Every structure is written in structure tokens, then in C-alpha cells.
Amino acid sequence: MPVKSTTTQERIGRVGQRRQVVIPRDMLETLNLQEGDFVAFAKQKNGVLIKPKRLVDADDILTPEESALVKKAEREMHEGKFVTLAQLRHDLDRSHSRRGRKTA
């Protein structure tokens, strides 16, 4: 069944047998929602507000310093400044092997 439009902002859908509500495609794309994503529901005076909800594990939260490092790395990648994982492993292996050697 096509979604009916009452205004440019409002869309009409239907509640299914299992309380499922279909979100219009253009709204899904605008909100960058995909199947399996979470949404939050908030009761409002004149209805219900549905908004995207990103669930974050407390262990996944970055410190300000870590966040700055990630942003710096992203900026450098966009500038083409990066190394492959293989190169990084090679460099790390070389630095570990140098520490183990004792020279006279």
C-alpha cells in the first residue's frame, strides 16, 4: 500500500498485526536508518516522537585524547597519509627485534 502524504513533513502509515509500523523510505534515508537499527519513542502532548537511537557500550566510549587521535588519523587518511596493516605489523616487529638485541 503506498504511503499517503498529508503535508511535506507528515506521512501516514499503518500499524500492522504485530504493532509494526512502516517508516516511509524517504524518512529512513534522511535519518540514515537501516533494518535492525534502534529507534526511541517519546510520548508527546500531541502524539509520539520517533527518533534514531544509537546504542553505545560503555566500554566503547573514547576519552577526549583517544577521540583526538581518531580524528587526526581520519584526517590523515583523507589526505592520503596512511600505512597498511601489513606495513604497521612489519614496523612493529622490527622495533621489537631491535630491543632484544644487545650490541657491544
PDB file of N, CA and C in Angstrom:
ATOM      1  N   MET A   1       0.846  -1.177   0.000  1.00  0.00           N
ATOM      2  CA  MET A   1       0.000   0.000   0.000  1.00  0.00           C
ATOM      3  C   MET A   1       0.889   1.237   0.000  1.00  0.00           C
ATOM      4  N   PRO A   2       0.674   2.167  -0.937  1.00  0.00           N
ATOM      5  CA  PRO A   2       1.511   3.368  -0.962  1.00  0.00           C
ATOM      6  C   PRO A   2       1.264   4.236   0.260  1.00  0.00           C
ATOM      7  N   VAL A   3       2.320   4.915   0.667  1.00  0.00           N
ATOM      8  CA  VAL A   3       2.222   5.812   1.816  1.00  0.00           C
ATOM      9  C   VAL A   3       1.571   7.104   1.355  1.00  0.00           C
ATOM     10  N   LYS A   4       0.589   7.560   2.099  1.00  0.00           N
ATOM     11  CA  LYS A   4      -0.106   8.799   1.759  1.00  0.00           C
ATOM     12  C   LYS A   4       0.611   9.970   2.404  1.00  0.00           C
ATOM     13  N   SER A   5       0.603  11.090   1.725  1.00  0.00           N
ATOM     14  CA  SER A   5       1.248  12.286   2.241  1.00  0.00           C
ATOM     15  C   SER A   5       0.190  13.334   2.538  1.00  0.00           C
ATOM     16  N   THR A   6       0.208  13.890   3.766  1.00  0.00           N
ATOM     17  CA  THR A   6      -0.747  14.936   4.116  1.00  0.00           C
ATOM     18  C   THR A   6      -0.101  16.304   4.046  1.00  0.00           C
ATOM     19  N   THR A   7       1.203  16.402   4.336  1.00  0.00           N
ATOM     20  CA  THR A   7       1.979  17.634   4.173  1.00  0.00           C
ATOM     21  C   THR A   7       3.367  17.213   3.743  1.00  0.00           C
ATOM     22  N   THR A   8       4.250  18.168   3.545  1.00  0.00           N
ATOM     23  CA  THR A   8       5.614  17.804   3.146  1.00  0.00           C
ATOM     24  C   THR A   8       6.356  17.119   4.278  1.00  0.00           C
ATOM     25  N   GLN A   9       5.940  17.339   5.536  1.00  0.00           N
ATOM     26  CA  GLN A   9       6.623  16.758   6.678  1.00  0.00           C
ATOM     27  C   GLN A   9       5.909  15.530   7.240  1.00  0.00           C
ATOM     28  N   GLU A  10       4.645  15.402   7.013  1.00  0.00           N
ATOM     29  CA  GLU A  10       3.865  14.329   7.635  1.00  0.00           C
ATOM     30  C   GLU A  10       3.569  13.226   6.637  1.00  0.00           C
ATOM     31  N   ARG A  11       3.726  11.991   7.074  1.00  0.00           N
ATOM     32  CA  ARG A  11       3.405  10.828   6.254  1.00  0.00           C
ATOM     33  C   ARG A  11       2.437   9.952   7.044  1.00  0.00           C
ATOM     34  N   ILE A  12       1.611   9.217   6.348  1.00  0.00           N
ATOM     35  CA  ILE A  12       0.660   8.321   7.011  1.00  0.00           C
ATOM     36  C   ILE A  12       1.053   6.894   6.699  1.00  0.00           C
ATOM     37  N   GLY A  13       1.131   6.084   7.725  1.00  0.00           N
ATOM     38  CA  GLY A  13       1.413   4.672   7.577  1.00  0.00           C
ATOM     39  C   GLY A  13       0.324   3.881   8.267  1.00  0.00           C
ATOM     40  N   ARG A  14       0.596   2.623   8.504  1.00  0.00           N
ATOM     41  CA  ARG A  14      -0.390   1.754   9.129  1.00  0.00           C
ATOM     42  C   ARG A  14       0.295   0.877  10.168  1.00  0.00           C
ATOM     43  N   VAL A  15      -0.399   0.644  11.283  1.00  0.00           N
ATOM     44  CA  VAL A  15       0.102  -0.260  12.310  1.00  0.00           C
ATOM     45  C   VAL A  15      -0.280  -1.670  11.885  1.00  0.00           C
ATOM     46  N   GLY A  16       0.730  -2.551  11.842  1.00  0.00           N
ATOM     47  CA  GLY A  16       0.492  -3.924  11.420  1.00  0.00           C
ATOM     48  C   GLY A  16      -0.013  -4.803  12.553  1.00  0.00           C
ATOM     49  N   GLN A  17      -0.241  -6.074  12.219  1.00  0.00           N
ATOM     50  CA  GLN A  17      -0.800  -7.054  13.147  1.00  0.00           C
ATOM     51  C   GLN A  17       0.048  -7.186  14.413  1.00  0.00           C
ATOM     52  N   ARG A  18       1.341  -7.079  14.288  1.00  0.00           N
ATOM     53  CA  ARG A  18       2.240  -7.240  15.448  1.00  0.00           C
ATOM     54  C   ARG A  18       2.772  -5.905  15.947  1.00  0.00           C
ATOM     55  N   ARG A  19       1.988  -4.843  15.824  1.00  0.00           N
ATOM     56  CA  ARG A  19       2.342  -3.496  16.264  1.00  0.00           C
ATOM     57  C   ARG A  19       3.505  -2.907  15.466  1.00  0.00           C
ATOM     58  N   GLN A  20       3.787  -3.448  14.292  1.00  0.00           N
ATOM     59  CA  GLN A  20       4.867  -2.923  13.466  1.00  0.00           C
ATOM     60  C   GLN A  20       4.373  -1.735  12.658  1.00  0.00           C
ATOM     61  N   VAL A  21       5.219  -0.717  12.591  1.00  0.00           N
ATOM     62  CA  VAL A  21       4.897   0.480  11.821  1.00  0.00           C
ATOM     63  C   VAL A  21       5.952   0.625  10.728  1.00  0.00           C
ATOM     64  N   VAL A  22       5.501   0.875   9.511  1.00  0.00           N
ATOM     65  CA  VAL A  22       6.422   1.068   8.394  1.00  0.00           C
ATOM     66  C   VAL A  22       6.806   2.532   8.326  1.00  0.00           C
ATOM     67  N   ILE A  23       8.116   2.791   8.317  1.00  0.00           N
ATOM     68  CA  ILE A  23       8.629   4.156   8.198  1.00  0.00           C
ATOM     69  C   ILE A  23       8.843   4.430   6.716  1.00  0.00           C
ATOM     70  N   PRO A  24       8.308   5.523   6.199  1.00  0.00           N
ATOM     71  CA  PRO A  24       8.471   5.831   4.771  1.00  0.00           C
ATOM     72  C   PRO A  24       9.943   5.869   4.361  1.00  0.00           C
ATOM     73  N   ARG A  25      10.221   5.373   3.157  1.00  0.00           N
ATOM     74  CA  ARG A  25      11.592   5.231   2.653  1.00  0.00           C
ATOM     75  C   ARG A  25      12.368   6.548   2.698  1.00  0.00           C
ATOM     76  N   ASP A  26      11.740   7.650   2.275  1.00  0.00           N
ATOM     77  CA  ASP A  26      12.482   8.917   2.252  1.00  0.00           C
ATOM     78  C   ASP A  26      12.909   9.347   3.651  1.00  0.00           C
ATOM     79  N   MET A  27      12.083   9.064   4.655  1.00  0.00           N
ATOM     80  CA  MET A  27      12.458   9.392   6.037  1.00  0.00           C
ATOM     81  C   MET A  27      13.563   8.466   6.529  1.00  0.00           C
ATOM     82  N   LEU A  28      13.478   7.198   6.165  1.00  0.00           N
ATOM     83  CA  LEU A  28      14.535   6.248   6.534  1.00  0.00           C
ATOM     84  C   LEU A  28      15.880   6.703   5.986  1.00  0.00           C
ATOM     85  N   GLU A  29      15.886   7.090   4.709  1.00  0.00           N
ATOM     86  CA  GLU A  29      17.135   7.516   4.079  1.00  0.00           C
ATOM     87  C   GLU A  29      17.651   8.810   4.690  1.00  0.00           C
ATOM     88  N   THR A  30      16.755   9.756   4.978  1.00  0.00           N
ATOM     89  CA  THR A  30      17.153  11.019   5.581  1.00  0.00           C
ATOM     90  C   THR A  30      17.782  10.793   6.954  1.00  0.00           C
ATOM     91  N   LEU A  31      17.230   9.864   7.719  1.00  0.00           N
ATOM     92  CA  LEU A  31      17.729   9.574   9.066  1.00  0.00           C
ATOM     93  C   LEU A  31      18.859   8.547   9.064  1.00  0.00           C
ATOM     94  N   ASN A  32      19.194   8.047   7.858  1.00  0.00           N
ATOM     95  CA  ASN A  32      20.248   7.036   7.715  1.00  0.00           C
ATOM     96  C   ASN A  32      19.947   5.799   8.558  1.00  0.00           C
ATOM     97  N   LEU A  33      18.694   5.353   8.548  1.00  0.00           N
ATOM     98  CA  LEU A  33      18.283   4.158   9.280  1.00  0.00           C
ATOM     99  C   LEU A  33      18.268   2.956   8.349  1.00  0.00           C
ATOM    100  N   GLN A  34      18.633   1.807   8.901  1.00  0.00           N
ATOM    101  CA  GLN A  34      18.619   0.560   8.153  1.00  0.00           C
ATOM    102  C   GLN A  34      17.918  -0.497   8.991  1.00  0.00           C
ATOM    103  N   GLU A  35      17.571  -1.594   8.345  1.00  0.00           N
ATOM    104  CA  GLU A  35      16.930  -2.704   9.050  1.00  0.00           C
ATOM    105  C   GLU A  35      17.797  -3.122  10.228  1.00  0.00           C
ATOM    106  N   GLY A  36      17.175  -3.259  11.402  1.00  0.00           N
ATOM    107  CA  GLY A  36      17.894  -3.674  12.598  1.00  0.00           C
ATOM    108  C   GLY A  36      18.335  -2.520  13.482  1.00  0.00           C
ATOM    109  N   ASP A  37      18.300  -1.283  12.954  1.00  0.00           N
ATOM    110  CA  ASP A  37      18.662  -0.128  13.776  1.00  0.00           C
ATOM    111  C   ASP A  37      17.612   0.095  14.862  1.00  0.00           C
ATOM    112  N   PHE A  38      18.003   0.775  15.918  1.00  0.00           N
ATOM    113  CA  PHE A  38      17.097   1.069  17.024  1.00  0.00           C
ATOM    114  C   PHE A  38      16.499   2.457  16.854  1.00  0.00           C
ATOM    115  N   VAL A  39      15.287   2.613  17.355  1.00  0.00           N
ATOM    116  CA  VAL A  39      14.636   3.921  17.414  1.00  0.00           C
ATOM    117  C   VAL A  39      14.080   4.099  18.817  1.00  0.00           C
ATOM    118  N   ALA A  40      14.035   5.357  19.256  1.00  0.00           N
ATOM    119  CA  ALA A  40      13.488   5.682  20.572  1.00  0.00           C
ATOM    120  C   ALA A  40      12.104   6.291  20.381  1.00  0.00           C
ATOM    121  N   PHE A  41      11.200   5.984  21.303  1.00  0.00           N
ATOM    122  CA  PHE A  41       9.843   6.510  21.263  1.00  0.00           C
ATOM    123  C   PHE A  41       9.647   7.407  22.479  1.00  0.00           C
ATOM    124  N   ALA A  42       9.102   8.591  22.255  1.00  0.00           N
ATOM    125  CA  ALA A  42       8.827   9.523  23.352  1.00  0.00           C
ATOM    126  C   ALA A  42       7.393  10.030  23.201  1.00  0.00           C
ATOM    127  N   LYS A  43       6.619   9.870  24.257  1.00  0.00           N
ATOM    128  CA  LYS A  43       5.248  10.364  24.240  1.00  0.00           C
ATOM    129  C   LYS A  43       5.272  11.882  24.261  1.00  0.00           C
ATOM    130  N   GLN A  44       4.533  12.486  23.356  1.00  0.00           N
ATOM    131  CA  GLN A  44       4.429  13.937  23.272  1.00  0.00           C
ATOM    132  C   GLN A  44       2.980  14.344  23.547  1.00  0.00           C
ATOM    133  N   LYS A  45       2.789  15.606  23.760  1.00  0.00           N
ATOM    134  CA  LYS A  45       1.444  16.121  24.023  1.00  0.00           C
ATOM    135  C   LYS A  45       0.476  15.789  22.877  1.00  0.00           C
ATOM    136  N   ASN A  46       0.966  15.906  21.649  1.00  0.00           N
ATOM    137  CA  ASN A  46       0.099  15.693  20.500  1.00  0.00           C
ATOM    138  C   ASN A  46       0.409  14.420  19.710  1.00  0.00           C
ATOM    139  N   GLY A  47       1.184  13.501  20.284  1.00  0.00           N
ATOM    140  CA  GLY A  47       1.496  12.268  19.564  1.00  0.00           C
ATOM    141  C   GLY A  47       2.722  11.573  20.115  1.00  0.00           C
ATOM    142  N   VAL A  48       3.455  10.934  19.225  1.00  0.00           N
ATOM    143  CA  VAL A  48       4.645  10.175  19.606  1.00  0.00           C
ATOM    144  C   VAL A  48       5.806  10.635  18.734  1.00  0.00           C
ATOM    145  N   LEU A  49       6.937  10.900  19.357  1.00  0.00           N
ATOM    146  CA  LEU A  49       8.153  11.239  18.632  1.00  0.00           C
ATOM    147  C   LEU A  49       8.970   9.966  18.479  1.00  0.00           C
ATOM    148  N   ILE A  50       9.373   9.672  17.254  1.00  0.00           N
ATOM    149  CA  ILE A  50      10.226   8.520  16.975  1.00  0.00           C
ATOM    150  C   ILE A  50      11.536   9.070  16.437  1.00  0.00           C
ATOM    151  N   LYS A  51      12.655   8.709  17.096  1.00  0.00           N
ATOM    152  CA  LYS A  51      13.945   9.222  16.639  1.00  0.00           C
ATOM    153  C   LYS A  51      14.989   8.115  16.670  1.00  0.00           C
ATOM    154  N   PRO A  52      16.009   8.215  15.799  1.00  0.00           N
ATOM    155  CA  PRO A  52      17.073   7.206  15.786  1.00  0.00           C
ATOM    156  C   PRO A  52      17.766   7.146  17.132  1.00  0.00           C
ATOM    157  N   LYS A  53      18.132   5.950  17.536  1.00  0.00           N
ATOM    158  CA  LYS A  53      18.825   5.757  18.811  1.00  0.00           C
ATOM    159  C   LYS A  53      20.045   4.891  18.548  1.00  0.00           C
ATOM    160  N   ARG A  54      21.185   5.428  18.844  1.00  0.00           N
ATOM    161  CA  ARG A  54      22.431   4.670  18.707  1.00  0.00           C
ATOM    162  C   ARG A  54      22.788   4.129  20.082  1.00  0.00           C
ATOM    163  N   LEU A  55      22.882   2.825  20.199  1.00  0.00           N
ATOM    164  CA  LEU A  55      23.241   2.211  21.470  1.00  0.00           C
ATOM    165  C   LEU A  55      24.754   2.083  21.528  1.00  0.00           C
ATOM    166  N   VAL A  56      25.333   2.535  22.614  1.00  0.00           N
ATOM    167  CA  VAL A  56      26.783   2.520  22.781  1.00  0.00           C
ATOM    168  C   VAL A  56      27.123   1.739  24.035  1.00  0.00           C
ATOM    169  N   ASP A  57      28.044   0.813  23.897  1.00  0.00           N
ATOM    170  CA  ASP A  57      28.556   0.068  25.034  1.00  0.00           C
ATOM    171  C   ASP A  57      29.474   0.998  25.815  1.00  0.00           C
ATOM    172  N   ALA A  58      29.347   1.024  27.121  1.00  0.00           N
ATOM    173  CA  ALA A  58      30.167   1.917  27.956  1.00  0.00           C
ATOM    174  C   ALA A  58      31.654   1.716  27.708  1.00  0.00           C
ATOM    175  N   ASP A  59      32.070   0.493  27.349  1.00  0.00           N
ATOM    176  CA  ASP A  59      33.483   0.219  27.083  1.00  0.00           C
ATOM    177  C   ASP A  59      33.948   0.815  25.757  1.00  0.00           C
ATOM    178  N   ASP A  60      33.007   1.204  24.885  1.00  0.00           N
ATOM    179  CA  ASP A  60      33.366   1.735  23.575  1.00  0.00           C
ATOM    180  C   ASP A  60      33.530   3.252  23.560  1.00  0.00           C
ATOM    181  N   ILE A  61      33.313   3.905  24.679  1.00  0.00           N
ATOM    182  CA  ILE A  61      33.398   5.362  24.727  1.00  0.00           C
ATOM    183  C   ILE A  61      34.865   5.776  24.789  1.00  0.00           C
ATOM    184  N   LEU A  62      35.227   6.722  23.950  1.00  0.00           N
ATOM    185  CA  LEU A  62      36.607   7.176  23.890  1.00  0.00           C
ATOM    186  C   LEU A  62      36.842   8.341  24.833  1.00  0.00           C
ATOM    187  N   THR A  63      38.053   8.412  25.354  1.00  0.00           N
ATOM    188  CA  THR A  63      38.448   9.583  26.140  1.00  0.00           C
ATOM    189  C   THR A  63      38.654  10.740  25.158  1.00  0.00           C
ATOM    190  N   PRO A  64      38.698  11.969  25.637  1.00  0.00           N
ATOM    191  CA  PRO A  64      38.966  13.093  24.725  1.00  0.00           C
ATOM    192  C   PRO A  64      40.286  12.932  23.961  1.00  0.00           C
ATOM    193  N   GLU A  65      41.306  12.396  24.629  1.00  0.00           N
ATOM    194  CA  GLU A  65      42.600  12.191  23.975  1.00  0.00           C
ATOM    195  C   GLU A  65      42.485  11.147  22.874  1.00  0.00           C
ATOM    196  N   GLU A  66      41.776  10.041  23.163  1.00  0.00           N
ATOM    197  CA  GLU A  66      41.593   8.989  22.164  1.00  0.00           C
ATOM    198  C   GLU A  66      40.775   9.507  20.981  1.00  0.00           C
ATOM    199  N   SER A  67      39.749  10.287  21.285  1.00  0.00           N
ATOM    200  CA  SER A  67      38.923  10.871  20.231  1.00  0.00           C
ATOM    201  C   SER A  67      39.748  11.777  19.326  1.00  0.00           C
ATOM    202  N   ALA A  68      40.641  12.568  19.924  1.00  0.00           N
ATOM    203  CA  ALA A  68      41.512  13.450  19.140  1.00  0.00           C
ATOM    204  C   ALA A  68      42.425  12.635  18.236  1.00  0.00           C
ATOM    205  N   LEU A  69      42.948  11.516  18.743  1.00  0.00           N
ATOM    206  CA  LEU A  69      43.812  10.659  17.927  1.00  0.00           C
ATOM    207  C   LEU A  69      43.051  10.054  16.754  1.00  0.00           C
ATOM    208  N   VAL A  70      41.814   9.636  16.993  1.00  0.00           N
ATOM    209  CA  VAL A  70      40.995   9.064  15.923  1.00  0.00           C
ATOM    210  C   VAL A  70      40.722  10.118  14.858  1.00  0.00           C
ATOM    211  N   LYS A  71      40.356  11.327  15.283  1.00  0.00           N
ATOM    212  CA  LYS A  71      40.092  12.416  14.325  1.00  0.00           C
ATOM    213  C   LYS A  71      41.338  12.738  13.513  1.00  0.00           C
ATOM    214  N   LYS A  72      42.498  12.759  14.180  1.00  0.00           N
ATOM    215  CA  LYS A  72      43.753  13.024  13.476  1.00  0.00           C
ATOM    216  C   LYS A  72      44.011  11.936  12.440  1.00  0.00           C
ATOM    217  N   ALA A  73      43.812  10.682  12.817  1.00  0.00           N
ATOM    218  CA  ALA A  73      44.025   9.570  11.892  1.00  0.00           C
ATOM    219  C   ALA A  73      43.067   9.650  10.705  1.00  0.00           C
ATOM    220  N   GLU A  74      41.798   9.984  10.966  1.00  0.00           N
ATOM    221  CA  GLU A  74      40.832  10.118   9.873  1.00  0.00           C
ATOM    222  C   GLU A  74      41.252  11.234   8.919  1.00  0.00           C
ATOM    223  N   ARG A  75      41.702  12.360   9.472  1.00  0.00           N
ATOM    224  CA  ARG A  75      42.150  13.487   8.650  1.00  0.00           C
ATOM    225  C   ARG A  75      43.344  13.071   7.794  1.00  0.00           C
ATOM    226  N   GLU A  76      44.295  12.360   8.388  1.00  0.00           N
ATOM    227  CA  GLU A  76      45.473  11.918   7.646  1.00  0.00           C
ATOM    228  C   GLU A  76      45.108  10.916   6.560  1.00  0.00           C
ATOM    229  N   MET A  77      44.145  10.033   6.840  1.00  0.00           N
ATOM    230  CA  MET A  77      43.715   9.073   5.815  1.00  0.00           C
ATOM    231  C   MET A  77      43.095   9.804   4.626  1.00  0.00           C
ATOM    232  N   HIS A  78      42.271  10.825   4.902  1.00  0.00           N
ATOM    233  CA  HIS A  78      41.669  11.600   3.823  1.00  0.00           C
ATOM    234  C   HIS A  78      42.726  12.324   2.998  1.00  0.00           C
ATOM    235  N   GLU A  79      43.844  12.667   3.631  1.00  0.00           N
ATOM    236  CA  GLU A  79      44.947  13.335   2.941  1.00  0.00           C
ATOM    237  C   GLU A  79      45.859  12.329   2.228  1.00  0.00           C
ATOM    238  N   GLY A  80      45.561  11.046   2.368  1.00  0.00           N
ATOM    239  CA  GLY A  80      46.368  10.023   1.723  1.00  0.00           C
ATOM    240  C   GLY A  80      47.582   9.603   2.526  1.00  0.00           C
ATOM    241  N   LYS A  81      47.661  10.028   3.767  1.00  0.00           N
ATOM    242  CA  LYS A  81      48.787   9.668   4.634  1.00  0.00           C
ATOM    243  C   LYS A  81      48.376   8.483   5.501  1.00  0.00           C
ATOM    244  N   PHE A  82      48.751   7.294   5.089  1.00  0.00           N
ATOM    245  CA  PHE A  82      48.430   6.121   5.887  1.00  0.00           C
ATOM    246  C   PHE A  82      49.394   4.997   5.540  1.00  0.00           C
ATOM    247  N   VAL A  83      49.426   3.990   6.409  1.00  0.00           N
ATOM    248  CA  VAL A  83      50.208   2.786   6.140  1.00  0.00           C
ATOM    249  C   VAL A  83      49.256   1.604   6.196  1.00  0.00           C
ATOM    250  N   THR A  84      49.621   0.560   5.501  1.00  0.00           N
ATOM    251  CA  THR A  84      48.799  -0.641   5.533  1.00  0.00           C
ATOM    252  C   THR A  84      49.014  -1.367   6.860  1.00  0.00           C
ATOM    253  N   LEU A  85      48.109  -2.251   7.189  1.00  0.00           N
ATOM    254  CA  LEU A  85      48.239  -3.042   8.401  1.00  0.00           C
ATOM    255  C   LEU A  85      49.483  -3.925   8.326  1.00  0.00           C
ATOM    256  N   ALA A  86      49.760  -4.453   7.158  1.00  0.00           N
ATOM    257  CA  ALA A  86      50.957  -5.286   6.981  1.00  0.00           C
ATOM    258  C   ALA A  86      52.223  -4.474   7.248  1.00  0.00           C
ATOM    259  N   GLN A  87      52.258  -3.230   6.755  1.00  0.00           N
ATOM    260  CA  GLN A  87      53.431  -2.376   6.995  1.00  0.00           C
ATOM    261  C   GLN A  87      53.568  -2.042   8.474  1.00  0.00           C
ATOM    262  N   LEU A  88      52.450  -1.757   9.127  1.00  0.00           N
ATOM    263  CA  LEU A  88      52.469  -1.463  10.558  1.00  0.00           C
ATOM    264  C   LEU A  88      53.002  -2.656  11.344  1.00  0.00           C
ATOM    265  N   ARG A  89      52.506  -3.854  11.029  1.00  0.00           N
ATOM    266  CA  ARG A  89      52.994  -5.064  11.720  1.00  0.00           C
ATOM    267  C   ARG A  89      54.484  -5.263  11.485  1.00  0.00           C
ATOM    268  N   HIS A  90      54.934  -5.049  10.245  1.00  0.00           N
ATOM    269  CA  HIS A  90      56.351  -5.190   9.917  1.00  0.00           C
ATOM    270  C   HIS A  90      57.194  -4.212  10.740  1.00  0.00           C
ATOM    271  N   ASP A  91      56.741  -2.954  10.800  1.00  0.00           N
ATOM    272  CA  ASP A  91      57.474  -1.942  11.569  1.00  0.00           C
ATOM    273  C   ASP A  91      57.498  -2.277  13.061  1.00  0.00           C
ATOM    274  N   LEU A  92      56.377  -2.765  13.582  1.00  0.00           N
ATOM    275  CA  LEU A  92      56.327  -3.145  14.993  1.00  0.00           C
ATOM    276  C   LEU A  92      57.243  -4.328  15.278  1.00  0.00           C
ATOM    277  N   ASP A  93      57.246  -5.307  14.388  1.00  0.00           N
ATOM    278  CA  ASP A  93      58.135  -6.461  14.560  1.00  0.00           C
ATOM    279  C   ASP A  93      59.599  -6.034  14.543  1.00  0.00           C
ATOM    280  N   ARG A  94      59.938  -5.116  13.658  1.00  0.00           N
ATOM    281  CA  ARG A  94      61.318  -4.635  13.577  1.00  0.00           C
ATOM    282  C   ARG A  94      61.713  -3.911  14.857  1.00  0.00           C
ATOM    283  N   SER A  95      60.789  -3.100  15.407  1.00  0.00           N
ATOM    284  CA  SER A  95      61.142  -2.360  16.620  1.00  0.00           C
ATOM    285  C   SER A  95      61.287  -3.305  17.813  1.00  0.00           C
ATOM    286  N   HIS A  96      60.491  -4.369  17.855  1.00  0.00           N
ATOM    287  CA  HIS A  96      60.628  -5.340  18.938  1.00  0.00           C
ATOM    288  C   HIS A  96      61.911  -6.143  18.811  1.00  0.00           C
ATOM    289  N   SER A  97      62.281  -6.485  17.591  1.00  0.00           N
ATOM    290  CA  SER A  97      63.500  -7.280  17.418  1.00  0.00           C
ATOM    291  C   SER A  97      64.738  -6.437  17.741  1.00  0.00           C
ATOM    292  N   ARG A  98      64.714  -5.141  17.518  1.00  0.00           N
ATOM    293  CA  ARG A  98      65.848  -4.280  17.850  1.00  0.00           C
ATOM    294  C   ARG A  98      66.033  -4.164  19.354  1.00  0.00           C
ATOM    295  N   ARG A  99      64.959  -4.153  20.095  1.00  0.00           N
ATOM    296  CA  ARG A  99      65.047  -4.053  21.551  1.00  0.00           C
ATOM    297  C   ARG A  99      65.702  -5.286  22.158  1.00  0.00           C
ATOM    298  N   GLY A 100      65.494  -6.440  21.524  1.00  0.00           N
ATOM    299  CA  GLY A 100      66.021  -7.688  22.075  1.00  0.00           C
ATOM    300  C   GLY A 100      67.511  -7.863  21.846  1.00  0.00           C
ATOM    301  N   ARG A 101      68.047  -7.144  20.861  1.00  0.00           N
ATOM    302  CA  ARG A 101      69.481  -7.290  20.540  1.00  0.00           C
ATOM    303  C   ARG A 101      70.328  -6.435  21.476  1.00  0.00           C
ATOM    304  N   LYS A 102      71.447  -7.010  21.824  1.00  0.00           N
ATOM    305  CA  LYS A 102      72.424  -6.247  22.599  1.00  0.00           C
ATOM    306  C   LYS A 102      73.677  -6.142  21.747  1.00  0.00           C
ATOM    307  N   THR A 103      74.138  -4.923  21.597  1.00  0.00           N
ATOM    308  CA  THR A 103      75.339  -4.734  20.801  1.00  0.00           C
ATOM    309  C   THR A 103      76.514  -4.380  21.722  1.00  0.00           C
ATOM    310  N   ALA A 104      77.711  -4.734  21.263  1.00  0.00           N
ATOM    311  CA  ALA A 104      78.903  -4.485  22.082  1.00  0.00           C
ATOM    312  C   ALA A 104      79.533  -3.174  21.743  1.00  0.00           C
TER     313      ALA A 104
END
